[in-house]
């Protein structure tokens, strides 16, 4: 578990406090800062860096704030603007009785349960994070678990939304596992994210 909050700077704290007001808290000329949040797991920290840097490359001004105890609550309250998550886990939280299991069913279940003011990116269909049965194969009866990015509705332009979905189109289970291993053996999350984005021309 990577427990150190990454790039938790004064800018991130200011951005969280401003919470995407139409007038910047810093000055009349400054753009709002997009705060990409996450909990303290290596996976969450890595994904926050990937989405943050991808948005920066599409013209956003973003920062990462991880180590959050209740990131979904922070997103709903506007303290953060983007939150990477597993879509199956979102269904487990919002509608645990849902029969959704397959990728298409889980995507539909997430979309139908989204809180007001929250949108979701495309799912990274190349990520299959279901529990593994003996022999390493995913458990067929388990709910699909693919990476998505939740975000505050209406804050991104078309190019920035495309960038979120490009990440979903490239990320795979094996790459995610390799990146997490790299971080847990000493690579900085920001560096791991940057290398992955560069490798995929994102």
N, C-alpha and C. Protein backbone atom coordinates (compact mmCIF):
# COMPACT_ATOMS: atom_id res chain seq x y z
N UNK A 1 0.85 -1.19 0.00
CA UNK A 1 0.00 0.00 0.00
C UNK A 1 0.88 1.24 0.00
N UNK A 2 0.58 2.15 -0.91
CA UNK A 2 1.37 3.37 -1.02
C UNK A 2 0.64 4.45 -0.26
N UNK A 3 1.10 4.74 0.95
CA UNK A 3 0.30 5.55 1.87
C UNK A 3 0.64 7.04 1.85
N UNK A 4 1.68 7.43 1.16
CA UNK A 4 2.06 8.84 1.15
C UNK A 4 1.21 9.59 0.14
N UNK A 5 0.61 10.70 0.54
CA UNK A 5 -0.20 11.49 -0.38
C UNK A 5 0.71 12.10 -1.43
N UNK A 6 0.37 11.86 -2.72
CA UNK A 6 1.22 12.27 -3.81
C UNK A 6 0.84 13.67 -4.27
N UNK A 7 1.83 14.52 -4.38
CA UNK A 7 1.65 15.89 -4.86
C UNK A 7 0.55 16.60 -4.09
N UNK A 8 0.48 16.34 -2.78
CA UNK A 8 -0.53 17.03 -1.96
C UNK A 8 0.05 18.38 -1.59
N UNK A 9 -0.08 19.31 -2.46
CA UNK A 9 0.54 20.63 -2.35
C UNK A 9 -0.48 21.65 -1.89
N UNK A 10 0.03 22.86 -1.65
CA UNK A 10 -0.88 23.95 -1.30
C UNK A 10 -1.87 24.21 -2.43
N UNK A 11 -1.43 24.01 -3.67
CA UNK A 11 -2.35 24.21 -4.79
C UNK A 11 -3.50 23.22 -4.74
N UNK A 12 -3.23 21.97 -4.35
CA UNK A 12 -4.29 20.97 -4.26
C UNK A 12 -5.28 21.33 -3.18
N UNK A 13 -4.77 21.77 -2.04
CA UNK A 13 -5.66 22.14 -0.94
C UNK A 13 -6.51 23.34 -1.32
N UNK A 14 -5.89 24.33 -1.97
CA UNK A 14 -6.64 25.50 -2.43
C UNK A 14 -7.71 25.09 -3.43
N UNK A 15 -7.34 24.20 -4.36
CA UNK A 15 -8.30 23.79 -5.38
C UNK A 15 -9.47 23.07 -4.76
N UNK A 16 -9.21 22.22 -3.78
CA UNK A 16 -10.29 21.50 -3.12
C UNK A 16 -11.21 22.47 -2.40
N UNK A 17 -10.64 23.50 -1.80
CA UNK A 17 -11.46 24.49 -1.11
C UNK A 17 -12.31 25.30 -2.08
N UNK A 18 -11.74 25.61 -3.24
CA UNK A 18 -12.48 26.39 -4.23
C UNK A 18 -13.59 25.57 -4.87
N UNK A 19 -13.34 24.27 -5.06
CA UNK A 19 -14.37 23.34 -5.54
C UNK A 19 -15.04 23.79 -6.82
N UNK A 20 -14.25 24.23 -7.79
CA UNK A 20 -14.76 24.57 -9.10
C UNK A 20 -15.80 25.69 -9.10
N UNK A 21 -15.54 26.70 -8.33
CA UNK A 21 -16.35 27.90 -8.45
C UNK A 21 -16.02 28.60 -9.76
N UNK A 22 -16.92 29.41 -10.24
CA UNK A 22 -16.69 30.06 -11.53
C UNK A 22 -15.65 31.16 -11.40
N UNK A 23 -15.43 31.66 -10.21
CA UNK A 23 -14.39 32.67 -9.98
C UNK A 23 -13.29 32.01 -9.18
N UNK A 24 -12.06 32.12 -9.66
CA UNK A 24 -10.95 31.46 -8.98
C UNK A 24 -10.74 32.02 -7.60
N UNK A 25 -10.36 31.14 -6.66
CA UNK A 25 -10.02 31.61 -5.32
C UNK A 25 -8.68 32.33 -5.31
N UNK A 26 -7.82 32.03 -6.25
CA UNK A 26 -6.47 32.58 -6.22
C UNK A 26 -6.44 33.99 -6.80
N UNK A 27 -7.05 34.16 -7.96
CA UNK A 27 -7.06 35.47 -8.60
C UNK A 27 -8.12 35.45 -9.69
N UNK A 28 -8.41 36.63 -10.24
CA UNK A 28 -9.42 36.71 -11.29
C UNK A 28 -8.96 36.03 -12.57
N UNK A 29 -7.65 35.88 -12.75
CA UNK A 29 -7.12 35.36 -14.01
C UNK A 29 -6.81 33.87 -13.96
N UNK A 30 -6.63 33.31 -12.77
CA UNK A 30 -6.20 31.91 -12.68
C UNK A 30 -7.33 30.97 -13.05
N UNK A 31 -6.97 29.85 -13.71
CA UNK A 31 -7.96 28.83 -14.04
C UNK A 31 -8.20 27.95 -12.82
N UNK A 32 -9.40 27.36 -12.72
CA UNK A 32 -9.63 26.39 -11.66
C UNK A 32 -8.67 25.20 -11.81
N UNK A 33 -8.26 24.65 -10.71
CA UNK A 33 -7.39 23.48 -10.72
C UNK A 33 -8.25 22.24 -10.54
N UNK A 34 -8.08 21.28 -11.41
CA UNK A 34 -8.81 20.02 -11.32
C UNK A 34 -8.11 19.13 -10.30
N UNK A 35 -8.80 18.79 -9.23
CA UNK A 35 -8.22 17.93 -8.21
C UNK A 35 -8.64 16.49 -8.49
N UNK A 36 -7.66 15.64 -8.77
CA UNK A 36 -7.90 14.22 -8.99
C UNK A 36 -7.61 13.50 -7.67
N UNK A 37 -8.62 12.85 -7.12
CA UNK A 37 -8.49 12.26 -5.81
C UNK A 37 -8.30 10.76 -5.83
N UNK A 38 -8.00 10.22 -4.66
CA UNK A 38 -7.85 8.78 -4.51
C UNK A 38 -7.63 8.42 -3.06
N UNK A 39 -7.71 7.13 -2.78
CA UNK A 39 -7.39 6.68 -1.43
C UNK A 39 -5.89 6.41 -1.33
N UNK A 40 -5.48 5.59 -0.38
CA UNK A 40 -4.04 5.41 -0.16
C UNK A 40 -3.48 4.14 -0.80
N UNK A 41 -4.31 3.38 -1.53
CA UNK A 41 -3.78 2.17 -2.17
C UNK A 41 -2.88 2.54 -3.34
N UNK A 42 -1.95 1.67 -3.64
CA UNK A 42 -1.05 1.91 -4.77
C UNK A 42 -1.84 2.07 -6.05
N UNK A 43 -2.84 1.23 -6.26
CA UNK A 43 -3.66 1.31 -7.47
C UNK A 43 -4.32 2.68 -7.60
N UNK A 44 -4.90 3.16 -6.53
CA UNK A 44 -5.60 4.44 -6.57
C UNK A 44 -4.65 5.60 -6.81
N UNK A 45 -3.51 5.59 -6.13
CA UNK A 45 -2.51 6.65 -6.31
C UNK A 45 -2.01 6.67 -7.76
N UNK A 46 -1.70 5.50 -8.30
CA UNK A 46 -1.23 5.40 -9.68
C UNK A 46 -2.28 5.93 -10.65
N UNK A 47 -3.52 5.48 -10.52
CA UNK A 47 -4.56 5.90 -11.45
C UNK A 47 -4.84 7.40 -11.34
N UNK A 48 -4.78 7.94 -10.14
CA UNK A 48 -4.94 9.38 -9.99
C UNK A 48 -3.86 10.13 -10.77
N UNK A 49 -2.64 9.64 -10.70
CA UNK A 49 -1.55 10.27 -11.46
C UNK A 49 -1.78 10.14 -12.97
N UNK A 50 -2.22 8.97 -13.42
CA UNK A 50 -2.44 8.76 -14.85
C UNK A 50 -3.50 9.72 -15.37
N UNK A 51 -4.64 9.78 -14.68
CA UNK A 51 -5.71 10.66 -15.15
C UNK A 51 -5.34 12.13 -15.02
N UNK A 52 -4.64 12.49 -13.96
CA UNK A 52 -4.21 13.88 -13.79
C UNK A 52 -3.28 14.31 -14.91
N UNK A 53 -2.28 13.51 -15.18
CA UNK A 53 -1.33 13.88 -16.23
C UNK A 53 -1.97 13.85 -17.61
N UNK A 54 -2.89 12.91 -17.83
CA UNK A 54 -3.60 12.87 -19.12
C UNK A 54 -4.41 14.15 -19.32
N UNK A 55 -5.08 14.60 -18.28
CA UNK A 55 -5.84 15.85 -18.38
C UNK A 55 -4.93 17.04 -18.62
N UNK A 56 -3.78 17.07 -17.95
CA UNK A 56 -2.82 18.15 -18.17
C UNK A 56 -2.40 18.21 -19.64
N UNK A 57 -2.24 17.05 -20.25
CA UNK A 57 -1.82 17.00 -21.65
C UNK A 57 -2.93 17.44 -22.59
N UNK A 58 -4.15 17.52 -22.07
CA UNK A 58 -5.29 18.00 -22.86
C UNK A 58 -5.64 19.45 -22.50
N UNK A 59 -4.75 20.13 -21.78
CA UNK A 59 -4.93 21.54 -21.51
C UNK A 59 -5.51 21.89 -20.16
N UNK A 60 -5.78 20.89 -19.32
CA UNK A 60 -6.28 21.18 -17.98
C UNK A 60 -5.12 21.55 -17.06
N UNK A 61 -5.45 22.10 -15.92
CA UNK A 61 -4.49 22.38 -14.86
C UNK A 61 -4.92 21.53 -13.67
N UNK A 62 -4.19 20.44 -13.42
CA UNK A 62 -4.66 19.49 -12.41
C UNK A 62 -3.60 19.22 -11.36
N UNK A 63 -4.05 18.65 -10.27
CA UNK A 63 -3.16 18.19 -9.22
C UNK A 63 -3.78 16.94 -8.60
N UNK A 64 -2.99 16.20 -7.84
CA UNK A 64 -3.42 14.94 -7.26
C UNK A 64 -3.51 15.08 -5.75
N UNK A 65 -4.59 14.56 -5.17
CA UNK A 65 -4.74 14.52 -3.72
C UNK A 65 -5.18 13.10 -3.34
N UNK A 66 -4.28 12.33 -2.77
CA UNK A 66 -4.57 10.96 -2.39
C UNK A 66 -4.50 10.79 -0.88
N UNK A 67 -4.73 9.56 -0.44
CA UNK A 67 -4.79 9.30 0.98
C UNK A 67 -6.13 9.69 1.59
N UNK A 68 -7.15 9.86 0.75
CA UNK A 68 -8.47 10.27 1.22
C UNK A 68 -9.20 9.09 1.84
N UNK A 69 -9.83 9.33 2.98
CA UNK A 69 -10.55 8.26 3.67
C UNK A 69 -11.91 7.99 3.04
N UNK A 70 -12.54 9.03 2.49
CA UNK A 70 -13.88 8.89 1.89
C UNK A 70 -13.92 9.60 0.54
N UNK A 71 -13.20 9.09 -0.46
CA UNK A 71 -13.09 9.82 -1.73
C UNK A 71 -14.42 9.99 -2.47
N UNK A 72 -15.32 9.01 -2.39
CA UNK A 72 -16.61 9.18 -3.05
C UNK A 72 -17.41 10.32 -2.43
N UNK A 73 -17.35 10.43 -1.12
CA UNK A 73 -18.00 11.54 -0.44
C UNK A 73 -17.36 12.87 -0.83
N UNK A 74 -16.04 12.88 -0.95
CA UNK A 74 -15.32 14.09 -1.36
C UNK A 74 -15.71 14.50 -2.78
N UNK A 75 -15.89 13.52 -3.66
CA UNK A 75 -16.31 13.83 -5.03
C UNK A 75 -17.72 14.40 -5.03
N UNK A 76 -18.61 13.77 -4.31
CA UNK A 76 -20.00 14.22 -4.26
C UNK A 76 -20.11 15.63 -3.69
N UNK A 77 -19.24 15.95 -2.73
CA UNK A 77 -19.27 17.27 -2.10
C UNK A 77 -18.50 18.32 -2.89
N UNK A 78 -17.80 17.91 -3.95
CA UNK A 78 -17.06 18.87 -4.76
C UNK A 78 -15.69 19.19 -4.23
N UNK A 79 -15.21 18.43 -3.25
CA UNK A 79 -13.85 18.69 -2.73
C UNK A 79 -12.78 18.14 -3.67
N UNK A 80 -13.14 17.16 -4.48
CA UNK A 80 -12.30 16.71 -5.58
C UNK A 80 -13.17 16.70 -6.83
N UNK A 81 -12.53 16.66 -8.00
CA UNK A 81 -13.29 16.73 -9.25
C UNK A 81 -13.26 15.44 -10.05
N UNK A 82 -12.26 14.59 -9.82
CA UNK A 82 -12.11 13.34 -10.55
C UNK A 82 -11.73 12.25 -9.57
N UNK A 83 -12.29 11.05 -9.78
CA UNK A 83 -11.96 9.92 -8.92
C UNK A 83 -11.90 8.64 -9.73
N UNK A 84 -10.72 8.04 -9.92
CA UNK A 84 -10.65 6.71 -10.53
C UNK A 84 -11.27 5.68 -9.60
N UNK A 85 -11.93 4.68 -10.19
CA UNK A 85 -12.60 3.67 -9.37
C UNK A 85 -12.78 2.40 -10.20
N UNK A 86 -13.13 1.32 -9.53
CA UNK A 86 -13.54 0.07 -10.19
C UNK A 86 -15.06 0.11 -10.34
N UNK A 87 -15.55 -0.12 -11.57
CA UNK A 87 -16.99 0.05 -11.77
C UNK A 87 -17.82 -1.00 -11.03
N UNK A 88 -17.31 -2.22 -10.91
CA UNK A 88 -18.05 -3.21 -10.15
C UNK A 88 -18.17 -2.84 -8.68
N UNK A 89 -17.12 -2.25 -8.13
CA UNK A 89 -17.17 -1.81 -6.74
C UNK A 89 -18.19 -0.68 -6.55
N UNK A 90 -18.35 0.16 -7.59
CA UNK A 90 -19.36 1.21 -7.51
C UNK A 90 -20.77 0.62 -7.45
N UNK A 91 -21.00 -0.42 -8.26
CA UNK A 91 -22.30 -1.09 -8.21
C UNK A 91 -22.50 -1.72 -6.83
N UNK A 92 -21.45 -2.34 -6.30
CA UNK A 92 -21.54 -2.93 -4.96
C UNK A 92 -21.95 -1.90 -3.92
N UNK A 93 -21.48 -0.68 -4.10
CA UNK A 93 -21.79 0.38 -3.13
C UNK A 93 -23.17 0.98 -3.35
N UNK A 94 -23.50 1.28 -4.60
CA UNK A 94 -24.71 2.01 -4.90
C UNK A 94 -25.95 1.12 -5.07
N UNK A 95 -25.74 -0.10 -5.53
CA UNK A 95 -26.87 -1.01 -5.76
C UNK A 95 -26.40 -2.45 -5.57
N UNK A 96 -26.09 -2.83 -4.35
CA UNK A 96 -25.49 -4.15 -4.11
C UNK A 96 -26.36 -5.32 -4.53
N UNK A 97 -27.67 -5.12 -4.63
CA UNK A 97 -28.56 -6.20 -5.05
C UNK A 97 -28.63 -6.36 -6.57
N UNK A 98 -27.94 -5.49 -7.30
CA UNK A 98 -27.99 -5.56 -8.76
C UNK A 98 -27.49 -6.91 -9.26
N UNK A 99 -28.18 -7.49 -10.25
CA UNK A 99 -27.71 -8.75 -10.83
C UNK A 99 -26.60 -8.57 -11.86
N UNK A 100 -26.19 -7.33 -12.12
CA UNK A 100 -25.20 -7.04 -13.16
C UNK A 100 -23.90 -7.80 -12.90
N UNK A 101 -23.41 -8.48 -13.93
CA UNK A 101 -22.17 -9.24 -13.82
C UNK A 101 -21.24 -8.97 -15.01
N UNK A 102 -21.78 -8.95 -16.21
CA UNK A 102 -20.96 -8.79 -17.42
C UNK A 102 -20.52 -7.34 -17.58
N UNK A 103 -19.51 -7.08 -18.42
CA UNK A 103 -19.07 -5.70 -18.63
C UNK A 103 -20.19 -4.75 -19.02
N UNK A 104 -21.01 -5.13 -20.00
CA UNK A 104 -22.09 -4.25 -20.44
C UNK A 104 -23.11 -4.03 -19.33
N UNK A 105 -23.43 -5.08 -18.58
CA UNK A 105 -24.40 -4.95 -17.49
C UNK A 105 -23.89 -4.02 -16.40
N UNK A 106 -22.61 -4.14 -16.07
CA UNK A 106 -22.04 -3.31 -15.01
C UNK A 106 -21.97 -1.85 -15.45
N UNK A 107 -21.58 -1.61 -16.69
CA UNK A 107 -21.58 -0.23 -17.21
C UNK A 107 -22.97 0.38 -17.10
N UNK A 108 -23.99 -0.37 -17.51
CA UNK A 108 -25.36 0.13 -17.44
C UNK A 108 -25.79 0.37 -16.00
N UNK A 109 -25.39 -0.51 -15.10
CA UNK A 109 -25.76 -0.36 -13.69
C UNK A 109 -25.12 0.87 -13.08
N UNK A 110 -23.87 1.14 -13.42
CA UNK A 110 -23.20 2.34 -12.92
C UNK A 110 -23.89 3.59 -13.44
N UNK A 111 -24.17 3.61 -14.75
CA UNK A 111 -24.80 4.79 -15.33
C UNK A 111 -26.17 5.07 -14.72
N UNK A 112 -26.90 4.02 -14.38
CA UNK A 112 -28.24 4.22 -13.82
C UNK A 112 -28.20 4.65 -12.36
N UNK A 113 -27.05 4.43 -11.69
CA UNK A 113 -26.96 4.74 -10.26
C UNK A 113 -26.14 5.98 -9.95
N UNK A 114 -25.62 6.66 -10.98
CA UNK A 114 -24.76 7.82 -10.74
C UNK A 114 -25.48 8.89 -9.93
N UNK A 115 -24.84 9.43 -8.92
CA UNK A 115 -25.43 10.55 -8.19
C UNK A 115 -25.57 11.77 -9.09
N UNK A 116 -26.51 12.64 -8.76
CA UNK A 116 -26.70 13.86 -9.54
C UNK A 116 -25.42 14.69 -9.55
N UNK A 117 -25.05 15.15 -10.74
CA UNK A 117 -23.87 15.99 -10.88
C UNK A 117 -22.58 15.23 -11.10
N UNK A 118 -22.66 13.90 -11.16
CA UNK A 118 -21.48 13.06 -11.38
C UNK A 118 -21.62 12.32 -12.70
N UNK A 119 -20.57 12.30 -13.50
CA UNK A 119 -20.53 11.55 -14.75
C UNK A 119 -19.42 10.51 -14.68
N UNK A 120 -19.37 9.64 -15.69
CA UNK A 120 -18.38 8.56 -15.68
C UNK A 120 -17.78 8.41 -17.06
N UNK A 121 -16.48 8.15 -17.10
CA UNK A 121 -15.78 7.92 -18.36
C UNK A 121 -16.12 6.53 -18.91
N UNK A 122 -15.61 6.25 -20.10
CA UNK A 122 -15.67 4.88 -20.60
C UNK A 122 -14.95 3.96 -19.62
N UNK A 123 -15.39 2.70 -19.59
CA UNK A 123 -14.69 1.70 -18.78
C UNK A 123 -13.46 1.20 -19.52
N UNK A 124 -12.41 0.94 -18.79
CA UNK A 124 -11.20 0.34 -19.37
C UNK A 124 -11.44 -1.15 -19.49
N UNK A 125 -12.01 -1.56 -20.64
CA UNK A 125 -12.41 -2.95 -20.81
C UNK A 125 -11.22 -3.90 -20.78
N UNK A 126 -10.02 -3.37 -20.99
CA UNK A 126 -8.83 -4.22 -20.93
C UNK A 126 -8.40 -4.55 -19.52
N UNK A 127 -9.06 -3.97 -18.54
CA UNK A 127 -8.75 -4.28 -17.14
C UNK A 127 -9.82 -5.21 -16.60
N UNK A 128 -9.41 -6.38 -16.16
CA UNK A 128 -10.31 -7.37 -15.58
C UNK A 128 -9.81 -7.66 -14.17
N UNK A 129 -10.38 -6.96 -13.21
CA UNK A 129 -9.85 -7.00 -11.84
C UNK A 129 -10.74 -7.82 -10.91
N UNK A 130 -11.48 -8.76 -11.48
CA UNK A 130 -12.27 -9.67 -10.65
C UNK A 130 -11.34 -10.55 -9.81
N UNK A 131 -11.85 -11.03 -8.67
CA UNK A 131 -11.06 -11.99 -7.89
C UNK A 131 -10.64 -13.17 -8.75
N UNK A 132 -9.49 -13.74 -8.44
CA UNK A 132 -8.96 -14.85 -9.23
C UNK A 132 -9.24 -16.18 -8.55
N UNK A 133 -9.68 -17.13 -9.36
CA UNK A 133 -9.90 -18.49 -8.86
C UNK A 133 -8.58 -19.25 -8.87
N UNK A 134 -8.61 -20.46 -8.39
CA UNK A 134 -7.40 -21.30 -8.41
C UNK A 134 -6.93 -21.47 -9.85
N UNK A 135 -5.65 -21.25 -10.08
CA UNK A 135 -5.11 -21.30 -11.42
C UNK A 135 -4.98 -19.93 -12.07
N UNK A 136 -5.53 -18.89 -11.41
CA UNK A 136 -5.34 -17.52 -11.88
C UNK A 136 -6.43 -16.98 -12.77
N UNK A 137 -7.41 -17.79 -13.15
CA UNK A 137 -8.49 -17.30 -14.01
C UNK A 137 -9.49 -16.49 -13.18
N UNK A 138 -10.08 -15.45 -13.79
CA UNK A 138 -11.09 -14.68 -13.06
C UNK A 138 -12.29 -15.54 -12.70
N UNK A 139 -12.91 -15.24 -11.58
CA UNK A 139 -14.10 -15.97 -11.17
C UNK A 139 -15.27 -15.55 -12.05
N UNK A 140 -15.84 -16.52 -12.79
CA UNK A 140 -16.89 -16.21 -13.76
C UNK A 140 -18.14 -15.63 -13.13
N UNK A 141 -18.42 -15.99 -11.90
CA UNK A 141 -19.65 -15.52 -11.25
C UNK A 141 -19.49 -14.15 -10.58
N UNK A 142 -18.27 -13.66 -10.54
CA UNK A 142 -18.02 -12.38 -9.88
C UNK A 142 -18.42 -11.22 -10.80
N UNK A 143 -18.76 -10.11 -10.19
CA UNK A 143 -19.11 -8.90 -10.94
C UNK A 143 -17.88 -8.34 -11.64
N UNK A 144 -18.03 -7.95 -12.90
CA UNK A 144 -16.94 -7.31 -13.62
C UNK A 144 -16.38 -6.14 -12.82
N UNK A 145 -15.04 -6.01 -12.84
CA UNK A 145 -14.36 -4.91 -12.16
C UNK A 145 -13.39 -4.27 -13.15
N UNK A 146 -13.82 -3.20 -13.77
CA UNK A 146 -12.98 -2.47 -14.72
C UNK A 146 -12.79 -1.03 -14.24
N UNK A 147 -11.68 -0.43 -14.63
CA UNK A 147 -11.36 0.93 -14.20
C UNK A 147 -12.20 1.95 -14.96
N UNK A 148 -12.73 2.91 -14.22
CA UNK A 148 -13.41 4.08 -14.80
C UNK A 148 -12.92 5.33 -14.06
N UNK A 149 -13.25 6.47 -14.62
CA UNK A 149 -13.01 7.74 -13.91
C UNK A 149 -14.35 8.42 -13.70
N UNK A 150 -14.71 8.63 -12.44
CA UNK A 150 -15.85 9.47 -12.10
C UNK A 150 -15.40 10.93 -12.11
N UNK A 151 -16.28 11.83 -12.53
CA UNK A 151 -15.90 13.24 -12.54
C UNK A 151 -17.13 14.12 -12.39
N UNK A 152 -16.88 15.34 -11.91
CA UNK A 152 -17.96 16.32 -11.78
C UNK A 152 -18.46 16.71 -13.17
N UNK A 153 -19.76 16.64 -13.37
CA UNK A 153 -20.33 16.91 -14.70
C UNK A 153 -20.09 18.35 -15.12
N UNK A 154 -19.81 18.53 -16.42
CA UNK A 154 -19.75 19.85 -17.01
C UNK A 154 -18.46 20.61 -16.84
N UNK A 155 -17.40 19.96 -16.33
CA UNK A 155 -16.18 20.72 -16.06
C UNK A 155 -15.12 20.56 -17.15
N UNK A 156 -15.30 19.59 -18.06
CA UNK A 156 -14.28 19.34 -19.07
C UNK A 156 -14.78 19.66 -20.46
N UNK A 157 -13.86 20.09 -21.32
CA UNK A 157 -14.21 20.28 -22.72
C UNK A 157 -14.11 18.94 -23.46
N UNK A 158 -14.45 18.95 -24.73
CA UNK A 158 -14.51 17.71 -25.50
C UNK A 158 -13.15 17.01 -25.56
N UNK A 159 -12.09 17.76 -25.75
CA UNK A 159 -10.76 17.17 -25.84
C UNK A 159 -10.37 16.50 -24.53
N UNK A 160 -10.69 17.13 -23.43
CA UNK A 160 -10.35 16.55 -22.13
C UNK A 160 -11.16 15.28 -21.85
N UNK A 161 -12.42 15.27 -22.25
CA UNK A 161 -13.22 14.06 -22.11
C UNK A 161 -12.68 12.94 -22.98
N UNK A 162 -12.26 13.28 -24.18
CA UNK A 162 -11.66 12.28 -25.05
C UNK A 162 -10.41 11.68 -24.41
N UNK A 163 -9.63 12.51 -23.75
CA UNK A 163 -8.40 12.03 -23.13
C UNK A 163 -8.71 11.03 -22.02
N UNK A 164 -9.73 11.29 -21.22
CA UNK A 164 -10.13 10.32 -20.20
C UNK A 164 -10.48 8.98 -20.84
N UNK A 165 -11.20 9.04 -21.95
CA UNK A 165 -11.61 7.81 -22.61
C UNK A 165 -10.47 7.13 -23.34
N UNK A 166 -9.47 7.91 -23.80
CA UNK A 166 -8.29 7.29 -24.41
C UNK A 166 -7.54 6.45 -23.39
N UNK A 167 -7.46 6.95 -22.15
CA UNK A 167 -6.83 6.15 -21.10
C UNK A 167 -7.56 4.82 -20.96
N UNK A 168 -8.89 4.87 -20.94
CA UNK A 168 -9.68 3.65 -20.81
C UNK A 168 -9.42 2.69 -21.96
N UNK A 169 -9.18 3.23 -23.15
CA UNK A 169 -8.96 2.39 -24.31
C UNK A 169 -7.61 1.71 -24.34
N UNK A 170 -6.67 2.17 -23.53
CA UNK A 170 -5.31 1.64 -23.58
C UNK A 170 -4.93 0.79 -22.37
N UNK A 171 -5.50 1.05 -21.22
CA UNK A 171 -5.05 0.40 -19.99
C UNK A 171 -5.47 -1.07 -19.95
N UNK A 172 -4.55 -1.94 -19.55
CA UNK A 172 -4.83 -3.37 -19.46
C UNK A 172 -4.51 -3.88 -18.05
N UNK A 173 -5.03 -5.05 -17.76
CA UNK A 173 -4.79 -5.68 -16.45
C UNK A 173 -3.30 -5.88 -16.22
N UNK A 174 -2.61 -6.44 -17.21
CA UNK A 174 -1.18 -6.73 -17.05
C UNK A 174 -0.37 -5.45 -16.85
N UNK A 175 -0.69 -4.41 -17.62
CA UNK A 175 0.04 -3.15 -17.46
C UNK A 175 -0.20 -2.56 -16.08
N UNK A 176 -1.43 -2.61 -15.63
CA UNK A 176 -1.73 -2.09 -14.30
C UNK A 176 -0.95 -2.83 -13.23
N UNK A 177 -0.90 -4.15 -13.34
CA UNK A 177 -0.15 -4.95 -12.37
C UNK A 177 1.33 -4.61 -12.41
N UNK A 178 1.88 -4.45 -13.62
CA UNK A 178 3.30 -4.12 -13.75
C UNK A 178 3.61 -2.74 -13.16
N UNK A 179 2.75 -1.78 -13.40
CA UNK A 179 2.97 -0.44 -12.87
C UNK A 179 2.89 -0.42 -11.35
N UNK A 180 1.94 -1.16 -10.80
CA UNK A 180 1.84 -1.25 -9.34
C UNK A 180 3.09 -1.89 -8.76
N UNK A 181 3.58 -2.93 -9.41
CA UNK A 181 4.82 -3.57 -8.95
C UNK A 181 5.99 -2.59 -9.00
N UNK A 182 6.08 -1.82 -10.07
CA UNK A 182 7.16 -0.84 -10.19
C UNK A 182 7.12 0.16 -9.03
N UNK A 183 5.93 0.64 -8.70
CA UNK A 183 5.80 1.61 -7.62
C UNK A 183 6.18 0.98 -6.28
N UNK A 184 5.72 -0.22 -6.06
CA UNK A 184 5.99 -0.87 -4.78
C UNK A 184 7.44 -1.30 -4.64
N UNK A 185 8.20 -1.24 -5.74
CA UNK A 185 9.63 -1.53 -5.67
C UNK A 185 10.48 -0.28 -5.90
N UNK A 186 9.84 0.90 -5.76
CA UNK A 186 10.65 2.11 -5.70
C UNK A 186 10.38 3.20 -6.72
N UNK A 187 9.64 2.93 -7.79
CA UNK A 187 9.35 3.96 -8.78
C UNK A 187 8.32 4.95 -8.23
N UNK A 188 8.55 6.23 -8.45
CA UNK A 188 7.58 7.24 -8.04
C UNK A 188 6.31 7.09 -8.87
N UNK A 189 5.13 7.19 -8.24
CA UNK A 189 3.89 7.07 -9.00
C UNK A 189 3.80 8.03 -10.19
N UNK A 190 4.23 9.27 -9.99
CA UNK A 190 4.18 10.24 -11.09
C UNK A 190 5.05 9.80 -12.26
N UNK A 191 6.21 9.21 -11.96
CA UNK A 191 7.10 8.75 -13.02
C UNK A 191 6.52 7.53 -13.73
N UNK A 192 5.92 6.62 -12.98
CA UNK A 192 5.30 5.44 -13.59
C UNK A 192 4.17 5.85 -14.52
N UNK A 193 3.35 6.79 -14.06
CA UNK A 193 2.24 7.27 -14.88
C UNK A 193 2.74 7.95 -16.15
N UNK A 194 3.76 8.78 -16.00
CA UNK A 194 4.31 9.51 -17.16
C UNK A 194 4.87 8.53 -18.19
N UNK A 195 5.58 7.52 -17.75
CA UNK A 195 6.15 6.54 -18.67
C UNK A 195 5.05 5.79 -19.42
N UNK A 196 3.99 5.43 -18.70
CA UNK A 196 2.90 4.71 -19.36
C UNK A 196 2.20 5.58 -20.39
N UNK A 197 1.93 6.83 -20.04
CA UNK A 197 1.28 7.75 -20.98
C UNK A 197 2.16 7.98 -22.22
N UNK A 198 3.46 8.13 -21.99
CA UNK A 198 4.37 8.32 -23.12
C UNK A 198 4.40 7.08 -24.03
N UNK A 199 4.40 5.91 -23.42
CA UNK A 199 4.45 4.66 -24.21
C UNK A 199 3.22 4.48 -25.09
N UNK A 200 2.11 5.07 -24.65
CA UNK A 200 0.86 4.96 -25.42
C UNK A 200 0.53 6.24 -26.19
N UNK A 201 1.49 7.14 -26.26
CA UNK A 201 1.32 8.40 -27.00
C UNK A 201 0.08 9.16 -26.54
N UNK A 202 -0.12 9.15 -25.25
CA UNK A 202 -1.25 9.88 -24.66
C UNK A 202 -0.79 11.19 -24.02
